[in-house]
N, C-alpha and C. Protein backbone atom coordinates (compact mmCIF):
# COMPACT_ATOMS: atom_id res chain seq x y z
N UNK A 1 -17.29 7.76 24.64
CA UNK A 1 -16.13 8.04 23.83
C UNK A 1 -15.71 6.76 23.11
N UNK A 2 -15.45 6.88 21.81
CA UNK A 2 -15.01 5.73 21.01
C UNK A 2 -13.56 5.38 21.34
N UNK A 3 -13.24 4.09 21.44
CA UNK A 3 -11.84 3.71 21.65
C UNK A 3 -11.05 3.84 20.34
N UNK A 4 -9.75 4.02 20.46
CA UNK A 4 -8.89 4.04 19.29
C UNK A 4 -8.78 2.63 18.72
N UNK A 5 -8.65 2.52 17.41
CA UNK A 5 -8.53 1.20 16.82
C UNK A 5 -7.07 0.93 16.47
N UNK A 6 -6.78 -0.36 16.28
CA UNK A 6 -5.41 -0.80 16.03
C UNK A 6 -5.38 -1.66 14.76
N UNK A 7 -4.22 -2.25 14.52
CA UNK A 7 -4.07 -3.11 13.35
C UNK A 7 -5.04 -4.28 13.32
N UNK A 8 -5.50 -4.68 14.48
CA UNK A 8 -6.49 -5.77 14.55
C UNK A 8 -7.78 -5.40 13.81
N UNK A 9 -8.01 -4.11 13.68
CA UNK A 9 -9.23 -3.62 13.04
C UNK A 9 -9.07 -3.40 11.54
N UNK A 10 -7.96 -3.83 10.96
CA UNK A 10 -7.76 -3.61 9.52
C UNK A 10 -7.29 -4.89 8.84
N UNK A 11 -7.64 -4.99 7.58
CA UNK A 11 -7.23 -6.12 6.75
C UNK A 11 -6.70 -5.57 5.44
N UNK A 12 -5.61 -6.13 4.96
CA UNK A 12 -5.04 -5.73 3.67
C UNK A 12 -4.89 -6.99 2.83
N UNK A 13 -5.32 -6.91 1.58
CA UNK A 13 -5.18 -8.02 0.63
C UNK A 13 -4.39 -7.51 -0.57
N UNK A 14 -3.41 -8.29 -0.99
CA UNK A 14 -2.60 -7.96 -2.16
C UNK A 14 -2.97 -8.91 -3.29
N UNK A 15 -3.19 -8.34 -4.47
CA UNK A 15 -3.53 -9.13 -5.66
C UNK A 15 -2.50 -8.83 -6.74
N UNK A 16 -1.84 -9.88 -7.24
CA UNK A 16 -0.87 -9.75 -8.31
C UNK A 16 -1.29 -10.69 -9.42
N UNK A 17 -1.39 -10.18 -10.63
CA UNK A 17 -1.84 -10.96 -11.78
C UNK A 17 -3.20 -11.58 -11.49
N UNK A 18 -4.07 -10.78 -10.83
CA UNK A 18 -5.44 -11.14 -10.51
C UNK A 18 -5.54 -12.34 -9.56
N UNK A 19 -4.45 -12.66 -8.85
CA UNK A 19 -4.44 -13.74 -7.87
C UNK A 19 -4.15 -13.15 -6.49
N UNK A 20 -4.90 -13.59 -5.50
CA UNK A 20 -4.65 -13.14 -4.13
C UNK A 20 -3.33 -13.74 -3.64
N UNK A 21 -2.49 -12.89 -3.06
CA UNK A 21 -1.21 -13.33 -2.52
C UNK A 21 -1.37 -13.48 -1.01
N UNK A 22 -1.01 -14.65 -0.48
CA UNK A 22 -1.10 -14.88 0.95
C UNK A 22 0.07 -14.20 1.63
N UNK A 23 -0.24 -13.14 2.37
CA UNK A 23 0.80 -12.43 3.11
C UNK A 23 0.32 -12.24 4.55
N UNK A 24 1.26 -12.22 5.46
CA UNK A 24 0.97 -12.04 6.87
C UNK A 24 1.41 -10.63 7.25
N UNK A 25 0.49 -9.68 7.10
CA UNK A 25 0.82 -8.26 7.26
C UNK A 25 1.05 -7.94 8.73
N UNK A 26 2.23 -7.41 9.01
CA UNK A 26 2.55 -6.95 10.35
C UNK A 26 2.25 -5.45 10.48
N UNK A 27 2.52 -4.72 9.41
CA UNK A 27 2.31 -3.27 9.42
C UNK A 27 2.14 -2.79 7.99
N UNK A 28 1.29 -1.79 7.80
CA UNK A 28 1.16 -1.17 6.49
C UNK A 28 0.94 0.32 6.66
N UNK A 29 1.30 1.06 5.61
CA UNK A 29 1.08 2.50 5.63
C UNK A 29 0.77 2.96 4.22
N UNK A 30 0.07 4.07 4.14
CA UNK A 30 -0.27 4.67 2.85
C UNK A 30 -0.22 6.18 3.02
N UNK A 31 0.39 6.87 2.05
CA UNK A 31 0.51 8.32 2.13
C UNK A 31 0.51 8.91 0.72
N UNK A 32 -0.20 10.01 0.53
CA UNK A 32 -0.17 10.65 -0.79
C UNK A 32 1.18 11.29 -1.07
N UNK A 33 1.54 11.36 -2.36
CA UNK A 33 2.70 12.16 -2.77
C UNK A 33 2.26 13.09 -3.87
N UNK A 34 3.00 14.15 -4.07
CA UNK A 34 2.63 15.11 -5.09
C UNK A 34 3.39 16.40 -4.95
N UNK A 35 2.73 17.48 -5.32
CA UNK A 35 3.34 18.80 -5.32
C UNK A 35 2.52 19.74 -4.46
N UNK A 36 3.21 20.51 -3.65
CA UNK A 36 2.56 21.57 -2.89
C UNK A 36 2.97 22.89 -3.51
N UNK A 37 2.01 23.58 -4.10
CA UNK A 37 2.29 24.83 -4.81
C UNK A 37 1.91 26.03 -3.94
N UNK A 38 2.74 27.05 -4.00
CA UNK A 38 2.45 28.31 -3.33
C UNK A 38 2.55 29.41 -4.38
N UNK A 39 1.47 30.12 -4.60
CA UNK A 39 1.43 31.20 -5.57
C UNK A 39 1.34 32.52 -4.84
N UNK A 40 2.43 33.31 -4.91
CA UNK A 40 2.47 34.62 -4.26
C UNK A 40 2.03 35.67 -5.26
N UNK A 41 1.06 36.48 -4.86
CA UNK A 41 0.54 37.53 -5.73
C UNK A 41 0.86 38.89 -5.14
N UNK A 42 1.12 39.84 -6.00
CA UNK A 42 1.38 41.21 -5.54
C UNK A 42 0.20 41.72 -4.73
N UNK A 43 0.50 42.32 -3.59
CA UNK A 43 -0.55 42.90 -2.76
C UNK A 43 -1.13 41.95 -1.73
N UNK A 44 -0.88 40.65 -1.87
CA UNK A 44 -1.38 39.68 -0.88
C UNK A 44 -0.32 39.46 0.20
N UNK A 45 -0.78 39.33 1.45
CA UNK A 45 0.18 39.08 2.53
C UNK A 45 0.50 37.60 2.70
N UNK A 46 -0.27 36.74 2.08
CA UNK A 46 -0.04 35.29 2.13
C UNK A 46 -0.17 34.71 0.72
N UNK A 47 0.54 33.62 0.50
CA UNK A 47 0.46 32.92 -0.78
C UNK A 47 -0.83 32.11 -0.84
N UNK A 48 -1.30 31.86 -2.06
CA UNK A 48 -2.40 30.92 -2.27
C UNK A 48 -1.78 29.53 -2.36
N UNK A 49 -2.31 28.60 -1.60
CA UNK A 49 -1.72 27.27 -1.50
C UNK A 49 -2.59 26.23 -2.19
N UNK A 50 -1.93 25.25 -2.76
CA UNK A 50 -2.63 24.16 -3.41
C UNK A 50 -1.81 22.89 -3.29
N UNK A 51 -2.46 21.78 -3.03
CA UNK A 51 -1.80 20.48 -3.00
C UNK A 51 -2.31 19.66 -4.18
N UNK A 52 -1.38 19.18 -4.97
CA UNK A 52 -1.72 18.37 -6.14
C UNK A 52 -1.27 16.93 -5.87
N UNK A 53 -2.22 16.04 -5.61
CA UNK A 53 -1.89 14.64 -5.33
C UNK A 53 -1.65 13.93 -6.65
N UNK A 54 -0.46 13.34 -6.77
CA UNK A 54 -0.08 12.64 -7.99
C UNK A 54 -0.17 11.13 -7.84
N UNK A 55 -0.29 10.66 -6.61
CA UNK A 55 -0.39 9.22 -6.37
C UNK A 55 -0.21 8.94 -4.90
N UNK A 56 0.05 7.67 -4.59
CA UNK A 56 0.14 7.23 -3.20
C UNK A 56 1.32 6.29 -3.02
N UNK A 57 2.09 6.52 -1.95
CA UNK A 57 3.13 5.58 -1.54
C UNK A 57 2.51 4.60 -0.56
N UNK A 58 2.79 3.33 -0.75
CA UNK A 58 2.27 2.28 0.12
C UNK A 58 3.47 1.45 0.58
N UNK A 59 3.46 1.06 1.83
CA UNK A 59 4.49 0.16 2.34
C UNK A 59 3.80 -0.94 3.14
N UNK A 60 4.17 -2.17 2.85
CA UNK A 60 3.63 -3.33 3.57
C UNK A 60 4.81 -4.10 4.14
N UNK A 61 4.79 -4.36 5.44
CA UNK A 61 5.79 -5.22 6.07
C UNK A 61 5.08 -6.50 6.49
N UNK A 62 5.61 -7.62 6.04
CA UNK A 62 4.98 -8.92 6.27
C UNK A 62 5.92 -9.84 7.04
N UNK A 63 5.34 -10.61 7.96
CA UNK A 63 6.09 -11.69 8.59
C UNK A 63 6.10 -12.88 7.63
N UNK A 64 7.20 -13.60 7.62
CA UNK A 64 7.36 -14.69 6.66
C UNK A 64 7.01 -16.03 7.29
N UNK A 65 5.92 -16.64 6.84
CA UNK A 65 5.55 -17.99 7.26
C UNK A 65 6.09 -19.01 6.25
N UNK A 66 6.15 -18.58 4.98
CA UNK A 66 6.71 -19.40 3.91
C UNK A 66 7.33 -18.46 2.88
N UNK A 67 7.75 -18.99 1.75
CA UNK A 67 8.43 -18.18 0.74
C UNK A 67 7.48 -17.68 -0.36
N UNK A 68 6.18 -17.82 -0.19
CA UNK A 68 5.22 -17.42 -1.22
C UNK A 68 5.36 -15.95 -1.63
N UNK A 69 5.46 -15.00 -0.69
CA UNK A 69 5.62 -13.61 -1.14
C UNK A 69 6.85 -13.39 -2.01
N UNK A 70 7.96 -14.05 -1.68
CA UNK A 70 9.19 -13.91 -2.48
C UNK A 70 8.97 -14.50 -3.87
N UNK A 71 8.31 -15.65 -3.95
CA UNK A 71 8.02 -16.26 -5.26
C UNK A 71 7.23 -15.30 -6.13
N UNK A 72 6.20 -14.67 -5.55
CA UNK A 72 5.36 -13.75 -6.32
C UNK A 72 6.15 -12.51 -6.74
N UNK A 73 6.96 -11.98 -5.84
CA UNK A 73 7.76 -10.79 -6.18
C UNK A 73 8.77 -11.09 -7.28
N UNK A 74 9.40 -12.25 -7.22
CA UNK A 74 10.35 -12.62 -8.28
C UNK A 74 9.63 -12.88 -9.60
N UNK A 75 8.45 -13.50 -9.55
CA UNK A 75 7.67 -13.73 -10.78
C UNK A 75 7.28 -12.39 -11.41
N UNK A 76 6.96 -11.41 -10.58
CA UNK A 76 6.63 -10.08 -11.09
C UNK A 76 7.83 -9.47 -11.82
N UNK A 77 9.02 -9.61 -11.24
CA UNK A 77 10.24 -9.08 -11.87
C UNK A 77 10.54 -9.82 -13.17
N UNK A 78 10.41 -11.14 -13.14
CA UNK A 78 10.65 -11.94 -14.35
C UNK A 78 9.69 -11.53 -15.46
N UNK A 79 8.43 -11.28 -15.12
CA UNK A 79 7.46 -10.85 -16.11
C UNK A 79 7.87 -9.50 -16.71
N UNK A 80 8.32 -8.58 -15.87
CA UNK A 80 8.77 -7.27 -16.36
C UNK A 80 9.97 -7.42 -17.29
N UNK A 81 10.89 -8.36 -16.96
CA UNK A 81 12.08 -8.58 -17.78
C UNK A 81 11.73 -9.07 -19.19
N UNK A 82 10.57 -9.70 -19.36
CA UNK A 82 10.16 -10.22 -20.66
C UNK A 82 9.62 -9.12 -21.58
N UNK A 83 9.47 -7.90 -21.05
CA UNK A 83 8.94 -6.77 -21.82
C UNK A 83 7.55 -7.06 -22.38
N UNK A 84 6.74 -7.71 -21.55
CA UNK A 84 5.36 -7.99 -21.91
C UNK A 84 4.46 -7.16 -20.98
N UNK A 85 3.16 -7.32 -21.14
CA UNK A 85 2.22 -6.58 -20.32
C UNK A 85 2.50 -6.83 -18.84
N UNK A 86 2.70 -5.77 -18.04
CA UNK A 86 2.94 -5.98 -16.60
C UNK A 86 1.76 -6.65 -15.93
N UNK A 87 2.06 -7.40 -14.87
CA UNK A 87 0.99 -7.99 -14.07
C UNK A 87 0.13 -6.86 -13.50
N UNK A 88 -1.16 -7.09 -13.48
CA UNK A 88 -2.07 -6.15 -12.83
C UNK A 88 -1.96 -6.36 -11.32
N UNK A 89 -1.62 -5.30 -10.61
CA UNK A 89 -1.43 -5.38 -9.16
C UNK A 89 -2.40 -4.42 -8.49
N UNK A 90 -3.10 -4.91 -7.47
CA UNK A 90 -4.06 -4.09 -6.74
C UNK A 90 -3.98 -4.43 -5.25
N UNK A 91 -4.48 -3.53 -4.43
CA UNK A 91 -4.54 -3.73 -2.99
C UNK A 91 -5.96 -3.44 -2.54
N UNK A 92 -6.47 -4.28 -1.67
CA UNK A 92 -7.78 -4.04 -1.05
C UNK A 92 -7.58 -3.80 0.43
N UNK A 93 -8.22 -2.77 0.95
CA UNK A 93 -8.13 -2.43 2.37
C UNK A 93 -9.52 -2.48 2.99
N UNK A 94 -9.60 -3.01 4.19
CA UNK A 94 -10.85 -2.94 4.95
C UNK A 94 -10.49 -2.49 6.36
N UNK A 95 -11.19 -1.47 6.81
CA UNK A 95 -10.97 -0.93 8.14
C UNK A 95 -12.27 -1.03 8.91
N UNK A 96 -12.20 -1.62 10.10
CA UNK A 96 -13.37 -1.75 10.97
C UNK A 96 -13.08 -1.06 12.30
N UNK A 97 -13.35 0.26 12.37
CA UNK A 97 -13.16 0.95 13.64
C UNK A 97 -14.04 0.32 14.72
N UNK A 98 -13.74 0.58 15.94
CA UNK A 98 -14.46 -0.04 17.05
C UNK A 98 -15.77 0.69 17.34
N UNK A 99 -16.51 0.98 16.27
CA UNK A 99 -17.81 1.64 16.41
C UNK A 99 -18.89 0.93 15.62
N UNK A 100 -18.59 -0.29 15.13
CA UNK A 100 -19.57 -1.08 14.39
C UNK A 100 -19.62 -0.79 12.90
N UNK A 101 -18.83 0.15 12.40
CA UNK A 101 -18.83 0.46 10.98
C UNK A 101 -17.71 -0.31 10.28
N UNK A 102 -17.77 -0.36 8.96
CA UNK A 102 -16.72 -0.97 8.15
C UNK A 102 -16.53 -0.12 6.91
N UNK A 103 -15.27 0.04 6.51
CA UNK A 103 -14.94 0.89 5.37
C UNK A 103 -14.00 0.12 4.45
N UNK A 104 -14.31 0.10 3.15
CA UNK A 104 -13.48 -0.59 2.19
C UNK A 104 -12.85 0.38 1.21
N UNK A 105 -11.62 0.07 0.78
CA UNK A 105 -10.90 0.93 -0.16
C UNK A 105 -10.21 0.05 -1.20
N UNK A 106 -10.26 0.50 -2.45
CA UNK A 106 -9.57 -0.16 -3.54
C UNK A 106 -8.38 0.70 -3.95
N UNK A 107 -7.21 0.09 -3.99
CA UNK A 107 -5.99 0.78 -4.40
C UNK A 107 -5.62 0.20 -5.76
N UNK A 108 -5.62 1.05 -6.79
CA UNK A 108 -5.45 0.54 -8.15
C UNK A 108 -4.29 1.19 -8.88
N UNK A 109 -3.94 0.57 -9.99
CA UNK A 109 -2.79 0.95 -10.82
C UNK A 109 -1.54 1.01 -9.95
N UNK A 110 -1.27 -0.14 -9.34
CA UNK A 110 -0.18 -0.28 -8.37
C UNK A 110 1.08 -0.80 -9.06
N UNK A 111 2.21 -0.22 -8.70
CA UNK A 111 3.52 -0.67 -9.16
C UNK A 111 4.32 -1.11 -7.95
N UNK A 112 4.86 -2.31 -8.00
CA UNK A 112 5.69 -2.82 -6.90
C UNK A 112 7.09 -2.24 -7.03
N UNK A 113 7.60 -1.73 -5.91
CA UNK A 113 8.93 -1.13 -5.87
C UNK A 113 10.01 -2.13 -5.50
N UNK A 114 11.12 -1.60 -5.02
CA UNK A 114 12.27 -2.42 -4.67
C UNK A 114 12.09 -2.99 -3.27
N UNK A 115 11.65 -4.23 -3.20
CA UNK A 115 11.31 -4.87 -1.93
C UNK A 115 12.57 -5.32 -1.20
N UNK A 116 12.39 -5.64 0.09
CA UNK A 116 13.53 -6.06 0.90
C UNK A 116 13.14 -7.21 1.81
N UNK A 117 13.92 -8.28 1.76
CA UNK A 117 13.78 -9.41 2.68
C UNK A 117 14.79 -9.20 3.80
N UNK A 118 14.32 -9.23 5.05
CA UNK A 118 15.20 -9.04 6.20
C UNK A 118 15.10 -10.26 7.10
N UNK A 119 16.25 -10.86 7.38
CA UNK A 119 16.31 -12.05 8.22
C UNK A 119 17.30 -11.76 9.34
N UNK A 120 16.85 -11.92 10.59
CA UNK A 120 17.69 -11.64 11.74
C UNK A 120 18.20 -12.92 12.39
N UNK A 121 18.46 -12.81 13.67
CA UNK A 121 18.99 -13.93 14.44
C UNK A 121 17.93 -14.95 14.81
N UNK A 122 18.31 -15.83 15.70
CA UNK A 122 17.50 -16.98 16.08
C UNK A 122 16.11 -16.60 16.57
N UNK A 123 16.00 -15.54 17.35
CA UNK A 123 14.70 -15.20 17.93
C UNK A 123 13.95 -14.10 17.16
N UNK A 124 14.52 -13.64 16.08
CA UNK A 124 13.89 -12.57 15.30
C UNK A 124 13.12 -13.16 14.12
N UNK A 125 11.99 -12.58 13.85
CA UNK A 125 11.15 -13.03 12.73
C UNK A 125 11.66 -12.44 11.42
N UNK A 126 11.65 -13.26 10.38
CA UNK A 126 11.99 -12.76 9.05
C UNK A 126 10.83 -11.93 8.52
N UNK A 127 11.16 -10.85 7.83
CA UNK A 127 10.13 -9.99 7.24
C UNK A 127 10.48 -9.68 5.80
N UNK A 128 9.47 -9.31 5.04
CA UNK A 128 9.67 -8.73 3.72
C UNK A 128 8.89 -7.43 3.71
N UNK A 129 9.56 -6.37 3.25
CA UNK A 129 8.93 -5.06 3.12
C UNK A 129 8.73 -4.79 1.64
N UNK A 130 7.49 -4.47 1.29
CA UNK A 130 7.12 -4.28 -0.12
C UNK A 130 6.65 -2.84 -0.30
N UNK A 131 7.49 -1.98 -0.90
CA UNK A 131 7.04 -0.63 -1.21
C UNK A 131 6.32 -0.62 -2.55
N UNK A 132 5.31 0.21 -2.65
CA UNK A 132 4.54 0.30 -3.88
C UNK A 132 4.14 1.75 -4.13
N UNK A 133 3.80 2.03 -5.36
CA UNK A 133 3.18 3.30 -5.72
C UNK A 133 1.87 2.99 -6.41
N UNK A 134 0.86 3.82 -6.15
CA UNK A 134 -0.45 3.62 -6.76
C UNK A 134 -0.96 4.94 -7.30
N UNK A 135 -1.77 4.87 -8.33
CA UNK A 135 -2.37 6.09 -8.88
C UNK A 135 -3.64 6.48 -8.15
N UNK A 136 -4.42 5.47 -7.71
CA UNK A 136 -5.74 5.78 -7.16
C UNK A 136 -6.03 5.01 -5.89
N UNK A 137 -6.72 5.66 -4.95
CA UNK A 137 -7.32 5.02 -3.78
C UNK A 137 -8.76 5.49 -3.75
N UNK A 138 -9.70 4.54 -3.80
CA UNK A 138 -11.11 4.89 -3.86
C UNK A 138 -11.89 4.08 -2.84
N UNK A 139 -12.86 4.73 -2.21
CA UNK A 139 -13.74 4.05 -1.28
C UNK A 139 -14.66 3.13 -2.08
N UNK A 140 -14.90 1.92 -1.57
CA UNK A 140 -15.77 0.97 -2.24
C UNK A 140 -16.81 0.48 -1.24
N UNK A 141 -17.94 0.05 -1.79
CA UNK A 141 -19.01 -0.50 -0.96
C UNK A 141 -18.62 -1.90 -0.51
N UNK A 142 -18.94 -2.22 0.72
CA UNK A 142 -18.70 -3.57 1.25
C UNK A 142 -20.01 -4.36 1.18
N UNK A 143 -19.89 -5.65 0.89
CA UNK A 143 -21.07 -6.50 0.80
C UNK A 143 -21.53 -6.92 2.17
């Protein structure tokens, strides 16, 4: 029986303006969003169902070792304020289940949402949570 894998078996890389951003990922999640349609037809006892995926919600929570993630997030906002071409933002995911395989995914056409810096007391770690939306998640070959 294969063991369950944990965060130790995954790697996430964030790229903003084609530059890798050094982040210390504590937790990440990805989930599709879209429309669930139900079409009821006369004479049928059940509706015909369809799910239309319109994109993906992504959330990354990072532990703060330095202020680099905040610098990048603010630079992204400043760039948007200039009404120029938005920075190209992408996410790379690699998952290595405990079975010797490796799987890579490219998350593209990413928009950074309203992020949050959270700082607690003396013994609590500071975190930044970065919500994003993406149009595409595609499996990629690993070298």
